[in-house]
Amino acid sequence: MTGAGRDRERRRRTRSLLGLAYLAGLSALLGLKAGWVPAAGVLLGTLALVYLVLTIVVRRDLRRERRRRAAGAPPSWPAQLPVSAAHLLGAKAPGRHARRADEVGELLGRLTLAGGELRWAPREGDRRRGVGPLVFDRSWAAEVVPLWGPGRQGCLTLTHPAGTAVDVWIRHPADLGRALAGGPAS
């Protein structure tokens, strides 16, 4: 993972922990007003609801991907390309992202593995605004790192022999790692 990727992950982890601390603080205030049993119920209910929603989203995505692969489509994964990486690789960024090369944020898209090449394609709305796909051929070295937190997230670091390194944020890193290693992608 590049330095910018480590910074992004550190910010995401900090926001997650602050959100949990905020929820615990609200539960403590509720506990003072209504009692500890209702407060514990609200806290556990909220955490269970968040877990349930994330599980539904991840499973729905896995089922959709299995159907795509069963129909003969190459394996693919939801992916976010940092705007700074898009500028570095010569891709046009839409809207306000087109103004600055040091823009913070990600472009949503899909990463596909076909013929040994990784291809990142932007979502349909960005394609209509002129954002094109990026292709990472076999010369790019790939490293997949699973990340802490919900949603089966990971970071794919692609490094070119010339030294250019790009982080792509993905979902289902274990599946991508198997596919890149040549094993069966599930």
Protein backbone atom coordinates (compact mmCIF):
# COMPACT_ATOMS: atom_id res chain seq x y z
CA MET A 1 0.00 0.00 0.00
CA THR A 2 1.35 3.42 -0.88
CA GLY A 3 1.77 6.25 1.61
CA ALA A 4 -1.40 7.95 0.37
CA GLY A 5 -3.23 4.65 0.80
CA ARG A 6 -2.01 4.26 4.37
CA ASP A 7 -3.16 7.81 5.13
CA ARG A 8 -6.60 7.13 3.64
CA GLU A 9 -6.94 3.91 5.63
CA ARG A 10 -5.85 5.66 8.83
CA ARG A 11 -8.52 8.35 8.28
CA ARG A 12 -11.18 5.70 7.58
CA ARG A 13 -10.26 3.73 10.71
CA THR A 14 -10.27 6.89 12.84
CA ARG A 15 -13.72 7.88 11.53
CA SER A 16 -15.04 4.37 12.26
CA LEU A 17 -13.70 4.40 15.81
CA LEU A 18 -15.03 7.92 16.42
CA GLY A 19 -18.45 6.80 15.18
CA LEU A 20 -18.40 3.88 17.61
CA ALA A 21 -17.34 6.18 20.43
CA TYR A 22 -20.17 8.59 19.53
CA LEU A 23 -22.67 5.73 19.57
CA ALA A 24 -21.37 4.57 22.95
CA GLY A 25 -21.64 8.13 24.29
CA LEU A 26 -25.22 8.47 23.09
CA SER A 27 -26.03 5.11 24.66
CA ALA A 28 -24.52 6.26 27.95
CA LEU A 29 -26.66 9.42 27.87
CA LEU A 30 -29.73 7.33 27.10
CA GLY A 31 -28.75 5.04 29.96
CA LEU A 32 -28.75 8.00 32.36
CA LYS A 33 -32.19 9.15 31.19
CA ALA A 34 -34.08 5.89 30.51
CA GLY A 35 -32.06 3.22 32.29
CA TRP A 36 -29.32 0.84 31.27
CA VAL A 37 -31.53 -1.91 29.87
CA PRO A 38 -33.14 0.28 27.16
CA ALA A 39 -29.77 1.88 26.40
CA ALA A 40 -28.09 -1.50 25.97
CA GLY A 41 -31.01 -2.62 23.79
CA VAL A 42 -30.73 0.46 21.56
CA LEU A 43 -26.94 0.05 21.28
CA LEU A 44 -27.10 -3.65 20.45
CA GLY A 45 -30.04 -3.11 18.09
CA THR A 46 -28.20 -0.38 16.21
CA LEU A 47 -25.05 -2.48 15.87
CA ALA A 48 -27.09 -5.50 14.74
CA LEU A 49 -28.93 -3.37 12.16
CA VAL A 50 -25.68 -2.00 10.72
CA TYR A 51 -24.21 -5.51 10.56
CA LEU A 52 -27.36 -6.85 8.89
CA VAL A 53 -27.42 -4.10 6.24
CA LEU A 54 -23.72 -4.58 5.43
CA THR A 55 -24.20 -8.34 5.20
CA ILE A 56 -27.13 -7.94 2.82
CA VAL A 57 -25.17 -5.56 0.58
CA VAL A 58 -22.09 -7.82 0.46
CA ARG A 59 -24.09 -10.99 -0.21
CA ARG A 60 -26.19 -9.30 -2.90
CA ASP A 61 -22.97 -8.22 -4.61
CA LEU A 62 -21.53 -11.75 -4.38
CA ARG A 63 -24.71 -13.32 -5.84
CA ARG A 64 -24.71 -10.82 -8.72
CA GLU A 65 -21.06 -11.56 -9.45
CA ARG A 66 -21.63 -15.33 -9.38
CA ARG A 67 -24.46 -14.92 -11.91
CA ARG A 68 -22.20 -12.80 -14.16
CA ARG A 69 -19.43 -15.40 -14.04
CA ALA A 70 -21.86 -18.28 -14.65
CA ALA A 71 -23.01 -16.43 -17.78
CA GLY A 72 -19.41 -16.41 -19.05
CA ALA A 73 -18.34 -12.88 -18.02
CA PRO A 74 -14.78 -12.40 -16.76
CA PRO A 75 -14.31 -11.96 -13.00
CA SER A 76 -14.80 -8.41 -11.73
CA TRP A 77 -14.91 -6.49 -8.47
CA PRO A 78 -16.34 -3.14 -7.35
CA ALA A 79 -13.40 -0.73 -7.23
CA GLN A 80 -12.63 2.88 -6.38
CA LEU A 81 -9.77 4.62 -8.14
CA PRO A 82 -8.33 7.66 -6.35
CA VAL A 83 -8.70 10.85 -8.39
CA SER A 84 -4.99 11.59 -7.95
CA ALA A 85 -4.17 8.18 -9.50
CA ALA A 86 -6.54 8.85 -12.38
CA HIS A 87 -4.74 12.14 -13.09
CA LEU A 88 -1.35 10.41 -12.78
CA LEU A 89 -2.37 7.77 -15.35
CA GLY A 90 -3.87 10.30 -17.76
CA ALA A 91 -7.56 9.59 -17.19
CA LYS A 92 -9.93 12.53 -17.30
CA ALA A 93 -11.80 13.10 -14.04
CA PRO A 94 -15.37 14.45 -14.18
CA GLY A 95 -16.78 17.69 -12.78
CA ARG A 96 -14.98 19.33 -9.91
CA HIS A 97 -12.36 16.55 -9.87
CA ALA A 98 -11.04 17.73 -13.24
CA ARG A 99 -9.77 21.00 -11.79
CA ARG A 100 -6.95 19.85 -9.54
CA ALA A 101 -4.47 17.01 -9.82
CA ASP A 102 -4.09 16.73 -6.01
CA GLU A 103 -7.85 16.21 -5.52
CA VAL A 104 -8.86 13.88 -2.68
CA GLY A 105 -11.60 11.39 -3.47
CA GLU A 106 -12.33 8.31 -5.50
CA LEU A 107 -13.96 7.51 -8.81
CA LEU A 108 -16.34 4.57 -8.56
CA GLY A 109 -16.05 1.78 -11.08
CA ARG A 110 -15.41 -1.90 -11.65
CA LEU A 111 -12.13 -3.79 -11.96
CA THR A 112 -12.16 -6.70 -14.43
CA LEU A 113 -9.53 -9.39 -14.96
CA ALA A 114 -9.42 -10.64 -18.54
CA GLY A 115 -6.51 -12.09 -20.46
CA GLY A 116 -4.09 -11.40 -17.62
CA GLU A 117 -4.84 -7.67 -17.71
CA LEU A 118 -6.69 -5.68 -15.10
CA ARG A 119 -9.11 -3.13 -16.53
CA TRP A 120 -10.74 -0.44 -14.42
CA ALA A 121 -13.94 0.93 -15.98
CA PRO A 122 -15.78 3.91 -14.47
CA ARG A 123 -19.45 3.79 -13.58
CA GLU A 124 -21.90 4.69 -16.31
CA GLY A 125 -22.48 8.30 -15.19
CA ASP A 126 -18.75 9.06 -15.29
CA ARG A 127 -18.39 7.35 -18.68
CA ARG A 128 -21.01 9.72 -20.07
CA ARG A 129 -18.94 12.63 -18.73
CA GLY A 130 -15.86 11.47 -20.59
CA VAL A 131 -13.98 9.33 -18.08
CA GLY A 132 -12.36 6.45 -19.89
CA PRO A 133 -11.17 3.05 -18.71
CA LEU A 134 -7.64 2.31 -17.55
CA VAL A 135 -5.79 -0.89 -18.44
CA PHE A 136 -3.03 -2.35 -16.29
CA ASP A 137 -1.12 -4.90 -18.34
CA ARG A 138 1.04 -7.76 -17.06
CA SER A 139 4.00 -5.43 -16.46
CA TRP A 140 2.21 -3.98 -13.40
CA ALA A 141 2.95 -5.93 -10.20
CA ALA A 142 -0.14 -6.46 -8.06
CA GLU A 143 -0.41 -6.78 -4.28
CA VAL A 144 -3.76 -7.31 -2.54
CA VAL A 145 -4.18 -6.37 1.13
CA PRO A 146 -7.43 -6.98 3.06
CA LEU A 147 -8.45 -4.03 5.23
CA TRP A 148 -9.86 -3.82 8.73
CA GLY A 149 -13.57 -3.17 9.00
CA PRO A 150 -16.91 -4.24 7.64
CA GLY A 151 -17.78 -4.87 4.02
CA ARG A 152 -14.91 -7.14 2.93
CA GLN A 153 -12.77 -4.27 1.73
CA GLY A 154 -9.24 -4.35 0.46
CA CYS A 155 -6.51 -2.40 -1.26
CA LEU A 156 -4.97 -3.46 -4.56
CA THR A 157 -1.58 -1.82 -5.05
CA LEU A 158 -0.39 -1.86 -8.65
CA THR A 159 3.28 -1.01 -9.21
CA HIS A 160 4.76 -0.30 -12.64
CA PRO A 161 8.42 -1.23 -13.32
CA ALA A 162 9.14 2.50 -13.76
CA GLY A 163 8.17 3.04 -10.11
CA THR A 164 4.63 4.38 -10.43
CA ALA A 165 2.40 2.92 -7.71
CA VAL A 166 -1.39 3.15 -7.64
CA ASP A 167 -3.85 2.05 -4.95
CA VAL A 168 -7.27 0.81 -6.03
CA TRP A 169 -9.83 0.22 -3.28
CA ILE A 170 -11.75 -2.99 -3.88
CA ARG A 171 -14.34 -5.25 -2.33
CA HIS A 172 -13.69 -9.00 -1.83
CA PRO A 173 -9.86 -8.90 -1.72
CA ALA A 174 -9.50 -12.64 -1.08
CA ASP A 175 -11.33 -13.44 -4.32
CA LEU A 176 -9.18 -10.98 -6.27
CA GLY A 177 -6.02 -12.42 -4.71
CA ARG A 178 -7.01 -15.94 -5.80
CA ALA A 179 -7.81 -14.75 -9.31
CA LEU A 180 -4.48 -12.93 -9.64
CA ALA A 181 -2.60 -15.99 -8.37
CA GLY A 182 -4.24 -18.07 -11.08
CA GLY A 183 -6.53 -20.00 -8.77
CA PRO A 184 -10.28 -20.36 -9.14
CA ALA A 185 -12.06 -17.10 -8.38
CA SER A 186 -15.29 -17.73 -6.51
